[in-house]
N, C-alpha and C. Protein backbone atom coordinates (compact mmCIF):
# COMPACT_ATOMS: atom_id res chain seq x y z
N PRO A 1 -35.78 -3.26 7.55
CA PRO A 1 -35.50 -4.13 6.90
C PRO A 1 -35.67 -3.32 5.01
N PRO A 2 -36.66 -2.37 5.07
CA PRO A 2 -37.24 -2.35 3.83
C PRO A 2 -35.88 -0.47 3.58
N LYS A 3 -35.15 0.02 4.63
CA LYS A 3 -34.81 0.54 4.76
C LYS A 3 -32.95 0.11 4.21
N GLN A 4 -33.05 -0.99 4.48
CA GLN A 4 -31.67 -1.65 4.53
C GLN A 4 -31.01 -1.48 2.52
N GLN A 5 -32.61 -2.41 2.50
CA GLN A 5 -33.19 -2.86 1.02
C GLN A 5 -32.40 -1.33 -0.19
N LYS A 6 -33.46 -0.31 0.29
CA LYS A 6 -32.11 0.72 -0.33
C LYS A 6 -31.02 1.49 -0.26
N LYS A 7 -30.60 1.01 0.39
CA LYS A 7 -28.63 1.95 0.92
C LYS A 7 -28.66 0.02 -0.57
N LYS A 8 -28.13 -0.68 -0.34
CA LYS A 8 -27.76 -1.60 -0.64
C LYS A 8 -27.56 -1.01 -2.40
N GLU A 9 -29.24 -1.06 -2.02
CA GLU A 9 -29.31 -0.65 -4.45
C GLU A 9 -28.66 1.01 -4.39
N ILE A 10 -28.59 1.96 -3.49
CA ILE A 10 -27.58 2.54 -3.84
C ILE A 10 -26.55 2.34 -4.58
N LYS A 11 -26.02 1.88 -3.68
CA LYS A 11 -24.54 1.04 -3.72
C LYS A 11 -24.32 0.52 -4.87
N GLU A 12 -25.09 -0.28 -5.55
CA GLU A 12 -25.13 -0.72 -6.23
C GLU A 12 -24.27 -0.22 -7.52
N LYS A 13 -25.17 0.65 -7.53
CA LYS A 13 -25.04 1.60 -8.76
C LYS A 13 -24.01 2.44 -9.31
N PRO A 14 -23.32 3.05 -8.50
CA PRO A 14 -22.14 3.43 -8.99
C PRO A 14 -21.43 2.33 -9.06
N ARG A 15 -21.01 1.15 -8.41
CA ARG A 15 -20.81 0.14 -8.98
C ARG A 15 -20.61 -0.47 -10.67
N GLU A 16 -22.50 -0.38 -11.38
CA GLU A 16 -22.70 -0.77 -12.75
C GLU A 16 -22.16 0.41 -13.18
N GLU A 17 -22.70 2.02 -12.70
CA GLU A 17 -21.58 2.79 -13.93
C GLU A 17 -20.21 2.53 -14.19
N GLU A 18 -19.03 2.47 -12.93
CA GLU A 18 -18.20 2.37 -12.67
C GLU A 18 -17.63 1.21 -13.87
N GLU A 19 -18.16 -0.03 -13.76
CA GLU A 19 -17.87 -1.20 -14.80
C GLU A 19 -18.14 -0.70 -16.24
N LYS A 20 -19.17 0.09 -16.67
CA LYS A 20 -19.69 0.66 -17.67
C LYS A 20 -18.52 1.37 -18.38
N ARG A 21 -18.00 2.53 -17.56
CA ARG A 21 -16.64 3.26 -18.15
C ARG A 21 -15.29 2.95 -18.45
N PRO A 22 -14.78 3.05 -19.52
CA PRO A 22 -13.07 2.07 -19.50
C PRO A 22 -12.50 2.77 -18.72
N LYS A 23 -12.47 2.06 -18.75
CA LYS A 23 -10.62 2.74 -17.46
C LYS A 23 -9.31 2.69 -17.75
N GLU A 24 -8.83 3.56 -17.67
CA GLU A 24 -7.90 4.12 -17.34
C GLU A 24 -6.43 3.40 -17.93
N PRO A 25 -5.27 4.02 -18.35
CA PRO A 25 -4.67 3.01 -19.10
C PRO A 25 -3.60 3.82 -17.39
N PRO A 26 -3.19 2.55 -16.76
CA PRO A 26 -2.09 3.19 -15.86
C PRO A 26 -0.57 3.79 -15.95
N LYS A 27 -0.57 5.52 -15.68
CA LYS A 27 0.46 6.05 -16.02
C LYS A 27 1.46 5.84 -15.94
N LYS A 28 2.49 6.09 -16.90
CA LYS A 28 3.52 5.98 -16.47
C LYS A 28 4.42 6.52 -15.42
N ILE A 29 5.48 6.04 -15.38
CA ILE A 29 5.84 6.41 -14.64
C ILE A 29 7.26 7.51 -15.00
N ASP A 30 7.00 8.85 -14.60
CA ASP A 30 7.94 9.92 -15.44
C ASP A 30 9.81 10.24 -14.46
N GLN A 31 10.57 8.63 -15.25
CA GLN A 31 11.73 8.55 -14.44
C GLN A 31 12.85 10.16 -14.39
N GLY A 32 12.40 10.76 -15.52
CA GLY A 32 13.35 12.27 -15.39
C GLY A 32 12.70 13.06 -14.52
N ARG A 33 11.84 12.95 -14.06
CA ARG A 33 10.58 14.37 -12.76
C ARG A 33 11.03 13.90 -11.50
N ILE A 34 10.70 12.20 -11.95
CA ILE A 34 11.59 11.76 -10.57
C ILE A 34 12.57 12.50 -9.85
N ASN A 35 13.22 12.16 -11.10
CA ASN A 35 14.95 12.47 -10.50
C ASN A 35 15.37 13.81 -10.40
N ALA A 36 14.41 14.68 -10.98
CA ALA A 36 14.71 16.56 -10.76
C ALA A 36 14.07 16.52 -9.16
N LEU A 37 13.33 16.17 -8.37
CA LEU A 37 12.54 15.58 -7.29
C LEU A 37 13.51 16.09 -6.73
N GLN A 38 14.19 14.38 -6.62
CA GLN A 38 15.38 14.19 -5.44
C GLN A 38 16.48 15.08 -5.87
N ILE A 39 17.23 15.50 -6.94
CA ILE A 39 17.61 16.51 -7.54
C ILE A 39 18.22 18.05 -6.25
N LEU A 40 16.31 18.07 -6.13
CA LEU A 40 16.14 19.22 -5.29
C LEU A 40 15.84 19.51 -4.14
N ASP A 41 15.98 17.94 -3.63
CA ASP A 41 15.62 17.71 -2.05
C ASP A 41 17.44 17.30 -1.57
N ALA A 42 18.13 17.03 -2.35
CA ALA A 42 19.04 17.06 -1.97
C ALA A 42 19.88 18.50 -1.97
N ILE A 43 19.44 19.24 -2.41
CA ILE A 43 20.27 20.44 -1.84
C ILE A 43 20.20 20.67 -0.19
N SER A 44 21.42 22.00 0.55
CA SER A 44 21.46 21.46 1.43
C SER A 44 20.94 23.20 1.56
N ALA A 45 21.41 22.63 2.57
CA ALA A 45 21.13 24.92 3.08
C ALA A 45 22.12 25.67 2.75
N GLY A 46 22.19 27.44 2.50
CA GLY A 46 22.97 27.54 2.33
C GLY A 46 24.32 27.36 0.87
N ASP A 47 23.54 26.21 0.09
CA ASP A 47 24.29 25.76 -1.06
C ASP A 47 24.49 26.53 -1.82
N GLY A 48 24.36 27.44 -1.89
CA GLY A 48 24.94 28.17 -3.43
C GLY A 48 25.35 28.45 -4.38
N SER A 49 26.38 27.35 -4.58
CA SER A 49 26.90 27.17 -5.56
C SER A 49 25.68 26.34 -6.63
N ARG A 50 24.43 25.53 -6.37
CA ARG A 50 23.23 25.15 -7.09
C ARG A 50 22.35 25.87 -7.13
N ALA A 51 22.41 27.41 -7.36
CA ALA A 51 21.08 27.98 -7.77
C ALA A 51 21.46 27.94 -8.92
N GLY A 52 22.38 27.60 -9.99
CA GLY A 52 22.06 27.57 -10.86
C GLY A 52 21.01 25.94 -11.33
N GLU A 53 21.43 24.99 -11.05
CA GLU A 53 20.16 23.80 -11.12
C GLU A 53 18.77 24.15 -10.44
N VAL A 54 18.91 25.58 -9.57
CA VAL A 54 17.32 25.69 -9.13
C VAL A 54 16.69 25.87 -10.04
N SER A 55 17.85 27.22 -11.37
CA SER A 55 16.59 27.80 -11.91
C SER A 55 16.59 26.70 -12.98
N THR A 56 17.73 26.33 -13.52
CA THR A 56 17.53 25.31 -15.19
C THR A 56 16.36 24.91 -14.37
N MET A 57 16.19 23.96 -13.36
CA MET A 57 14.72 23.32 -13.67
C MET A 57 13.36 23.99 -13.01
N LEU A 58 13.56 24.99 -13.39
CA LEU A 58 12.38 25.87 -13.31
C LEU A 58 12.07 26.77 -14.33
N GLU A 59 12.84 26.90 -14.86
CA GLU A 59 13.11 26.57 -16.74
C GLU A 59 11.70 25.86 -17.58
N GLN A 60 13.09 24.22 -17.03
CA GLN A 60 12.74 23.24 -18.06
C GLN A 60 10.94 22.74 -17.55
N HIS A 61 10.37 22.79 -16.02
CA HIS A 61 9.36 21.91 -15.35
C HIS A 61 8.54 23.61 -14.74
N ALA A 62 9.07 24.96 -16.15
CA ALA A 62 7.78 25.61 -15.46
C ALA A 62 6.02 25.50 -15.78
N SER A 63 5.76 24.08 -15.35
CA SER A 63 4.72 23.94 -16.00
C SER A 63 3.67 22.37 -14.38
N ASP A 64 5.28 22.18 -14.13
CA ASP A 64 4.97 21.58 -13.10
C ASP A 64 4.53 21.89 -11.93
N ARG A 65 3.34 21.65 -10.81
CA ARG A 65 3.83 22.10 -9.64
C ARG A 65 4.50 21.90 -9.31
N GLU A 66 4.62 20.74 -8.89
CA GLU A 66 4.88 20.10 -8.03
C GLU A 66 6.24 19.81 -7.82
N ILE A 67 6.93 20.09 -8.85
CA ILE A 67 8.71 20.77 -9.58
C ILE A 67 9.19 22.14 -8.89
N CYS A 68 7.79 22.83 -9.57
CA CYS A 68 8.10 24.64 -8.92
C CYS A 68 8.12 24.12 -7.28
N ARG A 69 7.40 23.80 -6.29
CA ARG A 69 7.20 23.91 -5.34
C ARG A 69 8.37 23.69 -4.40
N SER A 70 9.07 21.98 -5.24
CA SER A 70 10.19 21.29 -4.86
C SER A 70 11.82 22.84 -4.87
N CYS A 71 11.17 23.54 -5.99
CA CYS A 71 12.58 24.37 -6.43
C CYS A 71 12.32 25.22 -5.55
N ALA A 72 11.18 26.49 -4.96
CA ALA A 72 10.81 27.01 -3.79
C ALA A 72 11.83 27.02 -2.33
N LYS A 73 11.64 25.57 -2.45
CA LYS A 73 11.52 24.76 -0.80
C LYS A 73 13.83 24.72 -0.69
N ALA A 74 13.94 24.50 -1.90
CA ALA A 74 15.75 24.47 -2.45
C ALA A 74 15.99 25.89 -2.56
N ALA A 75 15.12 26.62 -3.07
CA ALA A 75 15.72 28.45 -2.65
C ALA A 75 15.42 28.53 -1.62
N GLU A 76 14.93 28.10 -0.58
CA GLU A 76 14.61 28.38 0.31
C GLU A 76 15.30 28.47 1.71
N ARG A 77 16.33 26.95 0.62
CA ARG A 77 17.55 26.44 2.03
C ARG A 77 19.03 26.95 1.80
N ILE A 78 18.59 27.38 -0.03
CA ILE A 78 19.54 27.99 -0.35
C ILE A 78 20.15 29.24 0.30
N ALA A 79 19.21 30.31 0.20
CA ALA A 79 18.90 31.47 0.87
C ALA A 79 19.03 31.76 2.65
N SER A 80 19.60 30.51 2.68
CA SER A 80 19.30 30.40 4.29
C SER A 80 21.18 31.18 4.58
N SER A 81 21.74 31.66 3.50
CA SER A 81 23.00 32.05 4.04
C SER A 81 22.96 33.02 3.03
N GLU A 82 23.92 34.41 3.07
CA GLU A 82 23.74 35.47 2.62
C GLU A 82 24.59 35.40 1.57
N GLN A 83 25.51 34.65 1.36
CA GLN A 83 26.22 34.15 0.00
C GLN A 83 24.87 32.87 -0.61
N GLY A 84 24.02 32.41 -0.02
CA GLY A 84 23.38 31.91 -0.99
C GLY A 84 22.50 32.20 -1.43
N LEU A 85 22.41 33.76 -0.71
CA LEU A 85 21.37 34.28 -1.40
C LEU A 85 20.86 35.25 -2.68
N GLU A 86 22.77 35.86 -2.50
CA GLU A 86 23.56 36.33 -3.86
C GLU A 86 23.69 36.18 -5.18
N GLN A 87 23.71 34.32 -4.49
CA GLN A 87 23.75 33.47 -5.69
C GLN A 87 22.58 33.72 -6.84
N LEU A 88 21.23 33.41 -5.73
CA LEU A 88 20.13 33.04 -6.57
C LEU A 88 19.77 34.18 -7.40
N THR A 89 20.12 35.47 -7.01
CA THR A 89 19.98 36.64 -7.07
C THR A 89 20.71 37.13 -8.81
N THR A 90 21.73 36.58 -8.19
CA THR A 90 22.77 36.19 -9.53
C THR A 90 22.90 36.17 -10.59
N VAL A 91 22.53 34.79 -10.24
CA VAL A 91 21.88 33.29 -11.71
C VAL A 91 21.07 33.28 -12.24
N GLY A 92 20.03 34.76 -11.29
CA GLY A 92 18.54 34.91 -11.95
C GLY A 92 17.39 34.31 -11.69
N THR A 93 17.93 33.16 -10.48
CA THR A 93 16.63 32.11 -9.94
C THR A 93 15.55 32.58 -9.38
N MET A 94 15.61 33.89 -8.59
CA MET A 94 14.49 34.59 -7.81
C MET A 94 13.60 35.19 -9.14
N GLN A 95 14.44 35.37 -10.33
CA GLN A 95 12.99 36.35 -11.46
C GLN A 95 12.21 34.58 -11.65
N SER A 96 12.35 33.32 -11.54
CA SER A 96 12.26 32.81 -12.04
C SER A 96 11.00 31.85 -11.31
N LEU A 97 11.59 32.45 -10.11
CA LEU A 97 10.78 31.80 -9.16
C LEU A 97 9.30 32.45 -9.00
N LEU A 98 9.69 34.05 -9.41
CA LEU A 98 8.61 35.05 -9.13
C LEU A 98 7.65 34.47 -10.70
N GLN A 99 8.54 34.08 -11.32
CA GLN A 99 7.35 32.90 -13.05
C GLN A 99 6.83 32.05 -12.37
N ALA A 100 7.23 30.98 -11.72
CA ALA A 100 6.53 30.26 -11.09
C ALA A 100 5.80 30.53 -10.53
N TRP A 101 5.62 31.82 -9.49
CA TRP A 101 4.00 31.94 -8.54
C TRP A 101 3.53 32.46 -9.21
N GLN A 102 3.66 33.49 -10.43
CA GLN A 102 3.00 33.65 -11.12
C GLN A 102 2.03 32.99 -11.93
N THR A 103 2.58 31.76 -11.85
CA THR A 103 1.99 30.27 -13.28
C THR A 103 1.08 29.72 -12.09
N HIS A 104 1.34 29.46 -10.65
CA HIS A 104 0.95 28.82 -9.91
C HIS A 104 0.29 29.76 -8.54
N ARG A 105 -0.65 30.86 -9.30
CA ARG A 105 -1.09 31.84 -7.16
C ARG A 105 -1.43 31.13 -6.80
N ASN A 106 -2.04 30.05 -6.80
CA ASN A 106 -3.03 29.40 -5.93
C ASN A 106 -2.08 28.12 -4.62
N ASP A 107 -1.11 28.30 -5.12
CA ASP A 107 -0.54 27.37 -4.73
C ASP A 107 -0.01 27.68 -3.21
N THR A 108 -0.55 27.36 -2.33
CA THR A 108 0.39 28.88 -0.98
C THR A 108 1.37 28.05 -0.27
N SER A 109 1.77 26.70 -0.64
CA SER A 109 3.01 26.19 -0.26
C SER A 109 4.05 27.64 -1.23
N LEU A 110 4.01 27.27 -2.23
CA LEU A 110 4.85 28.28 -3.00
C LEU A 110 5.02 29.45 -2.71
N THR A 111 4.04 30.34 -2.57
CA THR A 111 3.97 31.48 -1.85
C THR A 111 4.26 31.43 -1.04
N VAL A 112 4.47 30.12 0.08
CA VAL A 112 4.65 30.98 1.74
C VAL A 112 6.85 31.10 1.06
N HIS A 113 7.18 29.05 0.37
CA HIS A 113 8.72 29.73 0.69
C HIS A 113 8.88 30.76 -0.20
N VAL A 114 8.08 31.04 -1.18
CA VAL A 114 9.21 32.37 -2.07
C VAL A 114 8.88 33.84 -1.62
N HIS A 115 7.86 33.98 -0.41
CA HIS A 115 8.05 35.02 0.49
C HIS A 115 8.72 34.88 1.57
N ASN A 116 9.38 33.80 2.27
CA ASN A 116 10.02 33.41 3.06
C ASN A 116 11.39 34.27 1.91
N ILE A 117 12.15 33.75 0.46
CA ILE A 117 12.73 34.38 0.06
C ILE A 117 13.03 35.74 0.00
N VAL A 118 12.11 36.34 -0.67
CA VAL A 118 11.89 37.77 -0.48
C VAL A 118 12.14 38.51 0.32
N ALA A 119 11.57 37.98 1.93
CA ALA A 119 11.67 38.83 2.61
C ALA A 119 12.74 38.27 3.37
N ARG A 120 14.14 37.55 3.19
CA ARG A 120 15.44 37.55 3.50
C ARG A 120 16.21 38.86 3.21
């Protein structure tokens, strides 16, 4: 029984500390960011006409790791066809992807998608 009391005391201390900390306000939902992610997810395989959209999203949201990752996924889908790959290079999306890759070096998912595109 004495051991159980110690456990209870230990568990209660973090609760007290949590109560002392000021509560953070709830994060606001960024509808523009959600829309950007939905647009990128809607890009189908081989759709080279949307390479410009991917490039624009990369430029607008270069600091947002999740959007850069979605851009890389979308670009990989576009690059599945020769025409799509050509569009990605013509519009300059590949350069933007490489810059995003430099910015978010430690993102494995982004690295894999960019590597798959470059390998084509």
